[in-house]
């Protein structure tokens, strides 16, 4: 089974992103920063937050769904806010997307907020609301269930150090996973966690027998050349000890976001 986690950056690198995802063809694809603007006809929109301006695909969720026709698709919006189509303001949803190859039946499903709650009339002030998505699927070849959870951790303008909000987020994430995961079964947790390697988040997840593959294997960079700030940790993938890793890589090339894709092949 192949599992991939990637912050899609709103599809800013749209062409390379779609080409790469189609070629990599993961069995489970966990994406953060995914857009869906169902009433918008334009292909490109613009996100504006003060001096921060970023091109966004209007309907990235539907575009990825189209290139992965053999996958079941789930969209989990965290907010509906305003993007710009030229001078016109339009409403766009923003959140997580999970794609599961349809030969792996989904036998459990949970999504909830781990910080804040859904906003229908704007993205809100930082740190903005965050949700997590957890699925339990059945692997016929391995004759076992596997639970996979993804999170886009809250962004704090002060940095990635632990805060009371991040501590509470970690506790809420563990509680959400426990709703679905049965102890003794393989478990994967992944995403753009937006924390440092010494975060209390990893202590909380260690209670579920989870260990991070990024730091434990000596990887020190999960960002691409499109990210020019210091501090190269953002994305993580954690697995339980009963899961056999055949290969794990933070993918250097191609660059399809300002984050590297995390690619796990497991037996």
Protein backbone atom coordinates (compact mmCIF):
# COMPACT_ATOMS: atom_id res chain seq x y z
CA UNK A 1 0.00 0.00 0.00
CA UNK A 2 1.24 3.47 -0.89
CA UNK A 3 0.27 6.45 1.28
CA UNK A 4 1.10 10.06 0.42
CA UNK A 5 0.69 13.25 2.41
CA UNK A 6 1.12 16.70 0.85
CA UNK A 7 0.23 20.30 1.53
CA UNK A 8 -1.09 21.17 -1.94
CA UNK A 9 -0.58 24.94 -1.50
CA UNK A 10 -3.98 25.66 -2.98
CA UNK A 11 -2.80 24.26 -6.33
CA UNK A 12 -0.43 27.16 -7.05
CA UNK A 13 1.81 24.74 -9.02
CA UNK A 14 -1.24 23.26 -10.68
CA UNK A 15 0.26 21.60 -13.78
CA UNK A 16 3.21 19.85 -12.11
CA UNK A 17 1.01 18.90 -9.15
CA UNK A 18 -1.60 17.08 -11.22
CA UNK A 19 1.03 15.38 -13.37
CA UNK A 20 2.90 14.14 -10.30
CA UNK A 21 -0.17 12.89 -8.43
CA UNK A 22 -1.39 10.96 -11.47
CA UNK A 23 2.03 9.35 -11.94
CA UNK A 24 2.61 8.56 -8.25
CA UNK A 25 -0.91 7.05 -8.04
CA UNK A 26 -0.99 6.55 -4.25
CA UNK A 27 -3.54 4.19 -2.75
CA UNK A 28 -4.31 6.79 -0.07
CA UNK A 29 -3.67 10.47 -0.71
CA UNK A 30 -3.94 12.94 2.17
CA UNK A 31 -3.93 16.56 1.04
CA UNK A 32 -3.96 19.80 3.00
CA UNK A 33 -4.77 23.30 1.69
CA UNK A 34 -7.32 22.16 -0.87
CA UNK A 35 -9.82 24.57 -2.44
CA UNK A 36 -13.39 24.09 -3.65
CA UNK A 37 -15.46 26.95 -5.09
CA UNK A 38 -18.58 25.31 -6.45
CA UNK A 39 -20.24 28.43 -7.86
CA UNK A 40 -17.14 29.81 -9.61
CA UNK A 41 -16.36 29.29 -13.28
CA UNK A 42 -12.84 30.77 -13.35
CA UNK A 43 -9.93 28.36 -13.07
CA UNK A 44 -7.73 30.68 -11.02
CA UNK A 45 -8.56 32.85 -8.02
CA UNK A 46 -6.40 34.92 -5.70
CA UNK A 47 -6.02 34.77 -1.93
CA UNK A 48 -5.25 38.15 -0.34
CA UNK A 49 -4.24 38.56 3.30
CA UNK A 50 -2.59 41.95 3.71
CA UNK A 51 0.65 41.85 1.74
CA UNK A 52 0.38 38.07 1.29
CA UNK A 53 -1.09 37.32 -2.14
CA UNK A 54 -1.29 33.75 -3.49
CA UNK A 55 -2.76 32.27 -6.65
CA UNK A 56 -5.24 29.47 -5.91
CA UNK A 57 -7.06 26.99 -8.09
CA UNK A 58 -10.79 27.56 -7.79
CA UNK A 59 -11.74 23.86 -7.70
CA UNK A 60 -8.61 21.89 -6.89
CA UNK A 61 -10.63 19.14 -5.18
CA UNK A 62 -12.61 18.37 -8.35
CA UNK A 63 -9.49 18.52 -10.53
CA UNK A 64 -7.67 15.96 -8.42
CA UNK A 65 -10.77 13.78 -8.24
CA UNK A 66 -10.83 13.76 -12.05
CA UNK A 67 -7.25 12.44 -12.35
CA UNK A 68 -7.85 9.74 -9.72
CA UNK A 69 -11.05 8.12 -11.07
CA UNK A 70 -10.45 4.86 -9.18
CA UNK A 71 -10.45 6.60 -5.80
CA UNK A 72 -13.22 7.49 -3.38
CA UNK A 73 -12.91 11.19 -2.52
CA UNK A 74 -13.68 13.02 0.72
CA UNK A 75 -13.55 16.78 1.26
CA UNK A 76 -13.43 18.27 4.76
CA UNK A 77 -13.66 22.10 4.68
CA UNK A 78 -12.48 24.10 7.67
CA UNK A 79 -13.93 27.43 6.49
CA UNK A 80 -15.56 29.31 3.64
CA UNK A 81 -13.90 32.63 2.97
CA UNK A 82 -13.29 35.20 0.27
CA UNK A 83 -10.99 34.83 -2.70
CA UNK A 84 -10.77 37.24 -5.61
CA UNK A 85 -11.63 36.73 -9.26
CA UNK A 86 -10.02 39.92 -10.52
CA UNK A 87 -11.83 42.67 -8.62
CA UNK A 88 -14.76 40.40 -7.79
CA UNK A 89 -14.97 38.70 -4.39
CA UNK A 90 -16.12 35.07 -4.46
CA UNK A 91 -16.75 32.45 -1.80
CA UNK A 92 -14.39 29.49 -1.60
CA UNK A 93 -14.09 26.54 0.79
CA UNK A 94 -10.68 25.53 2.09
CA UNK A 95 -9.64 22.38 3.90
CA UNK A 96 -8.53 18.76 3.74
CA UNK A 97 -9.07 16.18 1.02
CA UNK A 98 -8.56 12.43 1.25
CA UNK A 99 -8.57 10.04 -1.70
CA UNK A 100 -8.73 6.24 -1.17
CA UNK A 101 -8.38 3.66 -3.92
CA UNK A 102 -11.74 1.96 -4.22
CA UNK A 103 -10.25 -1.52 -3.77
CA UNK A 104 -9.72 -0.54 -0.10
CA UNK A 105 -13.21 -0.25 1.43
CA UNK A 106 -13.66 2.51 3.99
CA UNK A 107 -15.11 0.81 7.09
CA UNK A 108 -14.86 3.78 9.46
CA UNK A 109 -14.85 7.52 9.01
CA UNK A 110 -14.53 10.46 11.42
CA UNK A 111 -13.93 14.16 10.86
CA UNK A 112 -14.04 16.88 13.48
CA UNK A 113 -12.43 20.14 14.49
CA UNK A 114 -9.36 20.01 16.70
CA UNK A 115 -9.12 23.80 17.04
CA UNK A 116 -12.03 26.20 16.73
CA UNK A 117 -15.04 25.44 14.52
CA UNK A 118 -16.29 25.85 10.97
CA UNK A 119 -16.67 29.41 9.73
CA UNK A 120 -19.08 30.10 6.88
CA UNK A 121 -18.40 33.82 6.54
CA UNK A 122 -14.63 34.19 6.45
CA UNK A 123 -11.39 32.42 7.27
CA UNK A 124 -11.07 34.30 10.57
CA UNK A 125 -8.12 35.61 12.55
CA UNK A 126 -4.96 33.60 13.15
CA UNK A 127 -4.69 31.01 14.56
CA UNK A 128 -7.57 29.84 12.39
CA UNK A 129 -9.80 26.84 12.93
CA UNK A 130 -8.36 23.43 12.07
CA UNK A 131 -9.95 20.05 11.46
CA UNK A 132 -8.65 16.51 11.13
CA UNK A 133 -9.89 13.57 9.06
CA UNK A 134 -9.59 9.95 10.12
CA UNK A 135 -10.47 6.88 8.06
CA UNK A 136 -10.39 3.16 8.84
CA UNK A 137 -10.04 1.01 5.73
CA UNK A 138 -9.63 -2.68 5.08
CA UNK A 139 -6.58 -4.09 3.31
CA UNK A 140 -7.72 -7.34 1.66
CA UNK A 141 -4.18 -8.37 0.72
CA UNK A 142 -2.96 -8.01 4.29
CA UNK A 143 -6.29 -9.19 5.73
CA UNK A 144 -6.32 -6.32 8.24
CA UNK A 145 -7.86 -2.93 8.93
CA UNK A 146 -5.62 0.15 8.81
CA UNK A 147 -6.47 3.57 10.25
CA UNK A 148 -5.08 6.74 8.67
CA UNK A 149 -5.52 10.24 10.09
CA UNK A 150 -4.42 13.55 8.63
CA UNK A 151 -4.19 17.03 10.07
CA UNK A 152 -3.27 20.53 8.93
CA UNK A 153 -2.02 21.93 12.22
CA UNK A 154 -2.93 25.44 13.28
CA UNK A 155 -0.72 28.27 12.09
CA UNK A 156 0.45 30.78 14.67
CA UNK A 157 2.00 33.99 13.37
CA UNK A 158 4.43 33.89 16.32
CA UNK A 159 6.00 30.65 15.06
CA UNK A 160 5.84 26.89 15.52
CA UNK A 161 6.60 26.63 19.25
CA UNK A 162 4.10 24.92 21.52
CA UNK A 163 1.23 27.08 22.77
CA UNK A 164 -1.84 26.24 24.88
CA UNK A 165 -3.83 26.05 21.64
CA UNK A 166 -1.40 23.54 20.14
CA UNK A 167 -1.43 21.44 23.31
CA UNK A 168 -5.24 21.35 23.18
CA UNK A 169 -5.11 20.53 19.46
CA UNK A 170 -2.88 17.50 20.14
CA UNK A 171 -5.28 16.23 22.80
CA UNK A 172 -8.27 16.68 20.47
CA UNK A 173 -6.47 14.84 17.66
CA UNK A 174 -5.73 11.86 19.91
CA UNK A 175 -9.37 11.78 21.04
CA UNK A 176 -10.59 11.83 17.42
CA UNK A 177 -8.27 8.96 16.46
CA UNK A 178 -9.43 6.93 19.45
CA UNK A 179 -13.02 7.15 18.19
CA UNK A 180 -12.06 5.03 15.18
CA UNK A 181 -8.77 3.23 15.74
CA UNK A 182 -8.73 -0.15 17.45
CA UNK A 183 -5.58 -0.73 19.47
CA UNK A 184 -3.40 -3.42 17.98
CA UNK A 185 -4.19 -2.41 14.40
CA UNK A 186 -1.79 -0.40 12.19
CA UNK A 187 -2.17 3.36 12.45
CA UNK A 188 -0.73 6.22 10.38
CA UNK A 189 -0.94 9.93 11.24
CA UNK A 190 0.32 12.48 8.73
CA UNK A 191 0.07 16.03 7.51
CA UNK A 192 1.44 19.53 7.72
CA UNK A 193 1.45 19.64 11.51
CA UNK A 194 3.03 23.10 11.71
CA UNK A 195 5.09 22.18 14.79
CA UNK A 196 8.75 21.64 15.63
CA UNK A 197 10.24 18.15 16.14
CA UNK A 198 10.31 18.61 19.94
CA UNK A 199 6.62 19.54 20.12
CA UNK A 200 4.37 18.07 22.80
CA UNK A 201 2.26 16.87 19.86
CA UNK A 202 4.64 13.93 19.40
CA UNK A 203 4.49 13.04 23.09
CA UNK A 204 0.70 12.89 22.86
CA UNK A 205 0.83 10.73 19.71
CA UNK A 206 3.43 8.43 21.29
CA UNK A 207 0.65 7.30 23.64
CA UNK A 208 -0.83 5.59 20.56
CA UNK A 209 2.50 3.79 19.81
CA UNK A 210 3.23 6.29 17.03
CA UNK A 211 6.77 7.29 15.98
CA UNK A 212 7.69 9.86 13.33
CA UNK A 213 9.44 8.68 10.16
CA UNK A 214 10.82 12.12 9.20
CA UNK A 215 12.99 12.78 12.22
CA UNK A 216 13.74 9.16 13.17
CA UNK A 217 15.24 8.54 9.73
CA UNK A 218 17.42 11.64 9.74
CA UNK A 219 15.42 13.84 7.36
CA UNK A 220 15.85 17.52 8.19
CA UNK A 221 13.85 19.19 5.42
CA UNK A 222 10.24 18.87 4.35
CA UNK A 223 10.11 22.12 2.36
CA UNK A 224 10.99 22.87 -1.26
CA UNK A 225 12.91 25.75 -2.84
CA UNK A 226 9.64 27.71 -3.02
CA UNK A 227 9.85 28.16 0.77
CA UNK A 228 12.58 30.67 1.58
CA UNK A 229 12.16 31.18 5.33
CA UNK A 230 14.33 29.49 7.98
CA UNK A 231 12.97 26.40 9.70
CA UNK A 232 12.54 23.49 7.32
CA UNK A 233 10.30 21.20 9.39
CA UNK A 234 6.53 21.27 8.88
CA UNK A 235 5.32 17.90 7.58
CA UNK A 236 5.43 14.58 9.41
CA UNK A 237 4.29 11.00 9.03
CA UNK A 238 3.97 8.78 12.09
CA UNK A 239 3.35 5.02 12.12
CA UNK A 240 2.80 2.34 14.74
CA UNK A 241 5.47 -0.28 15.33
CA UNK A 242 3.37 -3.07 13.78
CA UNK A 243 3.57 -1.44 10.34
CA UNK A 244 6.42 -2.61 8.09
CA UNK A 245 7.94 0.28 6.12
CA UNK A 246 9.27 -0.71 2.71
CA UNK A 247 10.19 2.85 1.71
CA UNK A 248 9.76 6.35 3.06
CA UNK A 249 10.85 9.62 1.44
CA UNK A 250 10.20 13.35 1.67
CA UNK A 251 10.18 13.74 -2.12
CA UNK A 252 12.78 16.24 -3.39
CA UNK A 253 11.79 16.19 -7.06
CA UNK A 254 9.48 17.14 -8.62
CA UNK A 255 8.60 20.26 -6.66
CA UNK A 256 4.81 20.56 -6.75
CA UNK A 257 4.29 22.83 -3.72
CA UNK A 258 6.28 24.78 -1.16
CA UNK A 259 6.08 21.52 0.84
CA UNK A 260 7.59 18.18 -0.11
CA UNK A 261 5.29 15.23 -0.54
CA UNK A 262 5.79 12.51 2.07
CA UNK A 263 5.67 9.11 0.38
CA UNK A 264 5.28 5.85 2.29
CA UNK A 265 5.29 2.37 0.75
CA UNK A 266 4.43 -0.31 3.29
CA UNK A 267 4.05 -4.05 3.37
